[in-house]
Amino acid sequence: MPRRTPRIPTQVIKKLGLSYVCCELSKRGWSVQPAPRWMRGVDLIISSSKGKRIHKILVKTLKGETAVPFGDRLDIDADYLIICRKILTTKPEIFIIDTDRARNKIRKSTGRHRESYWLEPRDYEEYRDNWNLIGEGED
């Protein structure tokens, strides 16, 4: 009988993505802190080495090459959106977009009882490893 791969809970997938992004930002000299729970649409707050630059980051984590879901409310208060795709592989992919540009590309669907928002892969793939957008964390 073939062995089944256990289903990984969504919350664990999200934490894997956050950890991976924190590691990548730290390697680039940024001080990384989790955002307070009351800050909707922000997961991380990063500051440069001397604190001269501070940015708010929203991280979206995906297991595969799918659209990025935003749910039924488009609450993005971050400066940058970082998409971490293929998180369960040995080399996850990172896409970095400023949120103004991302908002212009996000699609909206209206169902019978609610709206939903998402970002298609073709709308974010050009921003792969776009680390120069955020830059280095050294002042």
Protein backbone atom coordinates (compact mmCIF):
# COMPACT_ATOMS: atom_id res chain seq x y z
CA MET A 1 0.00 0.00 0.00
CA PRO A 2 1.49 3.41 -0.98
CA ARG A 3 2.35 5.75 1.83
CA ARG A 4 0.29 8.94 1.98
CA THR A 5 2.00 12.24 2.42
CA PRO A 6 0.51 13.99 5.45
CA ARG A 7 -1.43 17.20 4.78
CA ILE A 8 0.44 20.21 6.12
CA PRO A 9 -1.87 22.74 7.81
CA THR A 10 -2.19 26.16 6.18
CA GLN A 11 -0.85 27.88 9.29
CA VAL A 12 2.36 25.81 9.09
CA ILE A 13 2.77 26.72 5.39
CA LYS A 14 2.42 30.41 6.30
CA LYS A 15 5.02 30.10 9.09
CA LEU A 16 7.45 28.34 6.74
CA GLY A 17 7.14 31.23 4.27
CA LEU A 18 7.55 33.89 6.96
CA SER A 19 10.66 32.14 8.30
CA TYR A 20 12.18 31.82 4.84
CA VAL A 21 11.55 35.50 4.04
CA CYS A 22 12.93 36.59 7.44
CA CYS A 23 16.10 34.62 6.75
CA GLU A 24 16.54 36.14 3.29
CA LEU A 25 15.97 39.69 4.60
CA SER A 26 18.42 39.12 7.47
CA LYS A 27 21.08 37.91 5.02
CA ARG A 28 20.68 41.27 3.28
CA GLY A 29 21.34 43.23 6.47
CA TRP A 30 17.77 43.99 7.57
CA SER A 31 16.58 43.76 11.15
CA VAL A 32 13.31 41.81 10.97
CA GLN A 33 10.49 41.87 13.51
CA PRO A 34 7.00 40.36 13.38
CA ALA A 35 4.28 42.98 13.06
CA PRO A 36 1.86 43.39 15.95
CA ARG A 37 -1.33 41.35 15.54
CA TRP A 38 -3.48 44.48 15.31
CA MET A 39 -1.69 45.59 12.12
CA ARG A 40 -3.88 44.11 9.40
CA GLY A 41 -2.19 43.53 6.05
CA VAL A 42 1.34 43.57 7.50
CA ASP A 43 3.36 40.53 8.61
CA LEU A 44 6.86 41.91 9.15
CA ILE A 45 8.50 45.22 9.97
CA ILE A 46 12.07 45.61 8.74
CA SER A 47 14.55 48.32 9.63
CA SER A 48 17.98 49.14 8.29
CA SER A 49 21.06 48.66 10.46
CA LYS A 50 20.90 52.16 11.94
CA GLY A 51 17.12 52.44 11.80
CA LYS A 52 17.10 55.14 9.11
CA ARG A 53 14.79 53.10 6.85
CA ILE A 54 11.72 51.17 8.00
CA HIS A 55 9.37 49.16 5.78
CA LYS A 56 6.23 47.11 6.33
CA ILE A 57 6.09 43.74 4.54
CA LEU A 58 3.16 41.47 3.66
CA VAL A 59 4.20 37.86 2.99
CA LYS A 60 2.05 35.45 1.00
CA THR A 61 3.16 31.82 0.94
CA LEU A 62 2.20 29.23 -1.66
CA LYS A 63 2.93 25.51 -1.99
CA GLY A 64 2.88 25.63 -5.80
CA GLU A 65 2.61 27.93 -8.81
CA THR A 66 -0.86 29.25 -8.10
CA ALA A 67 -2.64 32.57 -7.78
CA VAL A 68 -2.07 34.50 -4.54
CA PRO A 69 -5.32 34.62 -2.55
CA PHE A 70 -6.24 37.75 -0.60
CA GLY A 71 -9.61 36.56 0.70
CA ASP A 72 -12.70 38.70 0.76
CA ARG A 73 -11.04 41.92 1.98
CA LEU A 74 -8.17 43.72 0.36
CA ASP A 75 -6.39 44.95 3.50
CA ILE A 76 -2.84 45.74 2.48
CA ASP A 77 -1.12 48.34 4.63
CA ALA A 78 2.38 47.16 3.72
CA ASP A 79 4.99 48.89 1.60
CA TYR A 80 5.98 45.65 -0.14
CA LEU A 81 4.36 42.34 -0.98
CA ILE A 82 6.70 39.33 -0.90
CA ILE A 83 5.35 36.14 -2.43
CA CYS A 84 7.12 32.96 -1.37
CA ARG A 85 6.21 30.19 -3.82
CA LYS A 86 7.04 26.45 -3.81
CA ILE A 87 7.80 26.64 -0.08
CA LEU A 88 7.97 22.86 0.33
CA THR A 89 10.81 22.49 -2.19
CA THR A 90 14.54 22.81 -1.58
CA LYS A 91 14.61 26.17 -3.43
CA PRO A 92 11.52 28.30 -2.81
CA GLU A 93 10.93 31.17 -5.23
CA ILE A 94 10.62 34.78 -4.07
CA PHE A 95 8.77 37.62 -5.83
CA ILE A 96 8.91 41.19 -4.49
CA ILE A 97 6.42 43.85 -5.58
CA ASP A 98 5.61 47.27 -4.20
CA THR A 99 2.02 47.21 -2.99
CA ASP A 100 0.79 50.04 -5.22
CA ARG A 101 1.82 48.06 -8.29
CA ALA A 102 0.35 44.86 -6.81
CA ARG A 103 -3.00 46.56 -6.08
CA ASN A 104 -3.28 47.53 -9.76
CA LYS A 105 -2.82 43.88 -10.77
CA ILE A 106 -5.07 42.22 -8.18
CA ARG A 107 -8.27 40.80 -9.62
CA LYS A 108 -11.70 40.77 -8.05
CA SER A 109 -14.43 38.19 -8.35
CA THR A 110 -17.96 38.63 -7.07
CA GLY A 111 -19.76 35.45 -6.11
CA ARG A 112 -23.29 34.97 -4.86
CA HIS A 113 -22.49 35.92 -1.29
CA ARG A 114 -19.05 37.54 -1.23
CA GLU A 115 -16.18 39.06 -3.15
CA SER A 116 -12.71 37.56 -3.40
CA TYR A 117 -9.38 38.97 -4.50
CA TRP A 118 -6.31 37.28 -6.00
CA LEU A 119 -3.12 37.93 -7.95
CA GLU A 120 -2.45 35.68 -10.95
CA PRO A 121 1.05 34.16 -11.45
CA ARG A 122 1.46 35.92 -14.80
CA ASP A 123 0.98 39.23 -12.95
CA TYR A 124 3.79 38.66 -10.44
CA GLU A 125 6.34 36.38 -12.14
CA GLU A 126 8.33 39.29 -13.61
CA TYR A 127 9.25 40.32 -10.03
CA ARG A 128 11.23 37.14 -9.23
CA ASP A 129 14.16 37.85 -6.88
CA ASN A 130 13.47 41.58 -7.16
CA TRP A 131 15.57 42.30 -4.04
CA ASN A 132 16.89 45.58 -5.46
CA LEU A 133 13.41 47.03 -4.85
CA ILE A 134 13.93 46.80 -1.08
CA GLY A 135 17.72 47.10 -1.23
CA GLU A 136 20.27 46.22 1.40
CA GLY A 137 19.71 46.89 5.09
CA GLU A 138 23.04 48.58 5.68
CA ASP A 139 22.83 52.36 6.24
